């Protein structure tokens, strides 16, 4: 069985050999998908690369201390491997932070609902028990709670 490692969505060795117009999942030769750059930094990078291909101004990534110069050759020629490594790590970090923020937002919403409309009584499964802590899975809410035993009793 193969497992998916969410920590390594992007890897430099996967990026350097990609055909940038091919969509693997749809199996079509030309595909570009755009979403809000506010939500997706990787999509913002796509916008900037397309702008470079079209001969627009140079772009600078001050937070990464990387500059990319437009030229008529391949868009990869002016990007060093170390720059790609930095961009990949930065994108993965942002993706992980966005996922955690989404999870925290859902947790906050559930907490507000429980406060306003509770109490609710649900079955839970003890996942871990130590001398002073207990961890319980409440599957119906998709929630794992860890608390000190003295607070639980």
Protein backbone atom coordinates (compact mmCIF):
# COMPACT_ATOMS: atom_id res chain seq x y z
CA UNK A 1 0.00 0.00 0.00
CA UNK A 2 1.27 3.48 -0.87
CA UNK A 3 0.91 6.26 1.63
CA UNK A 4 0.60 9.97 0.99
CA UNK A 5 3.03 12.25 2.77
CA UNK A 6 1.30 15.61 3.26
CA UNK A 7 4.62 17.21 4.26
CA UNK A 8 6.11 16.84 0.78
CA UNK A 9 3.50 18.06 -1.67
CA UNK A 10 6.09 19.90 -3.76
CA UNK A 11 9.61 18.67 -4.31
CA UNK A 12 12.25 20.31 -6.44
CA UNK A 13 13.10 17.13 -8.35
CA UNK A 14 9.44 16.84 -9.40
CA UNK A 15 9.30 20.44 -10.60
CA UNK A 16 12.37 20.51 -12.83
CA UNK A 17 11.13 17.74 -15.15
CA UNK A 18 7.49 18.82 -15.47
CA UNK A 19 5.84 19.67 -18.75
CA UNK A 20 4.29 22.94 -17.56
CA UNK A 21 1.25 22.83 -19.84
CA UNK A 22 0.20 19.18 -19.32
CA UNK A 23 -2.55 18.38 -16.79
CA UNK A 24 -1.80 14.94 -15.36
CA UNK A 25 -5.20 14.25 -13.78
CA UNK A 26 -7.24 15.31 -16.81
CA UNK A 27 -4.66 13.96 -19.29
CA UNK A 28 -4.86 16.96 -21.59
CA UNK A 29 -1.91 18.77 -23.18
CA UNK A 30 -2.83 22.40 -22.42
CA UNK A 31 -4.33 23.43 -19.10
CA UNK A 32 -4.07 26.42 -16.80
CA UNK A 33 -6.15 26.88 -13.66
CA UNK A 34 -6.40 30.18 -11.84
CA UNK A 35 -7.72 30.87 -8.38
CA UNK A 36 -7.45 33.84 -6.07
CA UNK A 37 -3.77 34.67 -5.41
CA UNK A 38 -4.81 35.64 -1.89
CA UNK A 39 -5.67 32.00 -1.20
CA UNK A 40 -2.97 30.32 -3.24
CA UNK A 41 0.61 31.55 -3.36
CA UNK A 42 1.52 28.82 -5.84
CA UNK A 43 -1.10 30.19 -8.24
CA UNK A 44 0.39 33.66 -7.81
CA UNK A 45 3.71 32.17 -8.91
CA UNK A 46 1.97 30.81 -12.04
CA UNK A 47 0.61 34.28 -12.79
CA UNK A 48 4.10 35.73 -12.44
CA UNK A 49 5.64 33.05 -14.67
CA UNK A 50 3.05 33.70 -17.37
CA UNK A 51 3.77 37.42 -17.08
CA UNK A 52 7.47 36.65 -17.55
CA UNK A 53 6.76 34.52 -20.62
CA UNK A 54 4.77 37.42 -22.04
CA UNK A 55 7.73 39.73 -21.44
CA UNK A 56 6.36 41.72 -18.53
CA UNK A 57 8.53 43.37 -15.89
CA UNK A 58 10.86 41.55 -13.55
CA UNK A 59 9.45 40.10 -10.35
CA UNK A 60 11.06 40.05 -6.95
CA UNK A 61 10.23 37.81 -4.01
CA UNK A 62 11.55 39.99 -1.14
CA UNK A 63 10.39 37.60 1.56
CA UNK A 64 12.58 34.90 0.01
CA UNK A 65 15.32 37.25 -1.20
CA UNK A 66 15.03 35.86 -4.74
CA UNK A 67 14.81 37.86 -7.99
CA UNK A 68 13.75 36.50 -11.34
CA UNK A 69 14.75 38.27 -14.54
CA UNK A 70 12.63 38.02 -17.68
CA UNK A 71 14.43 36.72 -20.74
CA UNK A 72 13.53 35.22 -24.09
CA UNK A 73 14.86 31.77 -23.22
CA UNK A 74 13.23 29.11 -21.08
CA UNK A 75 11.73 30.46 -17.88
CA UNK A 76 13.83 27.98 -15.89
CA UNK A 77 17.25 29.18 -17.07
CA UNK A 78 17.44 32.07 -14.62
CA UNK A 79 16.15 30.10 -11.63
CA UNK A 80 18.81 28.34 -9.58
CA UNK A 81 18.12 25.00 -7.88
CA UNK A 82 18.62 26.66 -4.50
CA UNK A 83 15.94 29.22 -5.42
CA UNK A 84 13.54 26.43 -6.39
CA UNK A 85 14.27 24.69 -3.09
CA UNK A 86 13.44 27.92 -1.22
CA UNK A 87 10.22 28.44 -3.18
CA UNK A 88 9.13 24.83 -2.71
CA UNK A 89 9.79 24.94 1.02
CA UNK A 90 7.98 28.29 1.29
CA UNK A 91 4.94 27.00 -0.65
CA UNK A 92 4.76 23.83 1.45
CA UNK A 93 5.02 25.87 4.65
CA UNK A 94 2.23 28.22 3.49
CA UNK A 95 0.04 25.26 2.47
CA UNK A 96 0.52 23.64 5.88
CA UNK A 97 -0.24 26.92 7.69
CA UNK A 98 -3.36 27.42 5.57
CA UNK A 99 -4.55 23.89 6.39
CA UNK A 100 -3.95 24.45 10.10
CA UNK A 101 -5.78 27.79 9.96
CA UNK A 102 -8.73 26.07 8.28
CA UNK A 103 -8.79 23.37 10.94
CA UNK A 104 -8.60 25.99 13.71
CA UNK A 105 -11.47 27.90 12.09
CA UNK A 106 -13.63 24.76 12.01
CA UNK A 107 -12.76 24.05 15.64
CA UNK A 108 -13.70 27.61 16.62
CA UNK A 109 -17.04 27.32 14.79
CA UNK A 110 -17.79 23.97 16.48
CA UNK A 111 -16.88 25.46 19.86
CA UNK A 112 -19.28 28.39 19.28
CA UNK A 113 -22.08 26.00 18.24
CA UNK A 114 -21.54 23.81 21.30
CA UNK A 115 -21.55 26.88 23.52
CA UNK A 116 -24.73 28.32 21.96
CA UNK A 117 -26.73 25.13 21.34
CA UNK A 118 -25.21 22.53 23.68
CA UNK A 119 -24.75 20.48 25.62
CA UNK A 120 -24.60 17.52 23.24
CA UNK A 121 -24.04 13.96 24.34
CA UNK A 122 -21.96 11.87 21.95
CA UNK A 123 -20.08 8.61 22.14
CA UNK A 124 -16.31 8.87 22.30
CA UNK A 125 -13.38 6.49 22.05
CA UNK A 126 -10.44 6.74 24.43
CA UNK A 127 -7.39 6.95 22.20
CA UNK A 128 -4.73 7.46 24.86
CA UNK A 129 -4.61 7.48 28.63
CA UNK A 130 -1.71 8.46 30.84
CA UNK A 131 -1.32 9.22 34.53
CA UNK A 132 -2.54 12.79 34.09
CA UNK A 133 -3.99 13.12 30.55
CA UNK A 134 -6.71 11.54 28.44
CA UNK A 135 -7.25 11.80 24.67
CA UNK A 136 -10.72 11.04 23.32
CA UNK A 137 -11.94 10.79 19.70
CA UNK A 138 -15.50 11.99 19.08
CA UNK A 139 -15.99 10.58 15.59
CA UNK A 140 -19.38 12.22 14.95
CA UNK A 141 -17.71 15.64 15.25
CA UNK A 142 -14.38 14.60 13.72
CA UNK A 143 -12.77 15.90 16.87
CA UNK A 144 -10.00 14.66 19.14
CA UNK A 145 -9.94 16.16 22.62
CA UNK A 146 -6.94 15.99 24.91
CA UNK A 147 -7.37 17.17 28.47
CA UNK A 148 -5.99 16.61 31.90
CA UNK A 149 -7.80 13.89 33.80
CA UNK A 150 -8.53 16.23 36.72
CA UNK A 151 -10.44 18.52 34.28
CA UNK A 152 -12.24 15.57 32.70
CA UNK A 153 -13.66 14.06 35.89
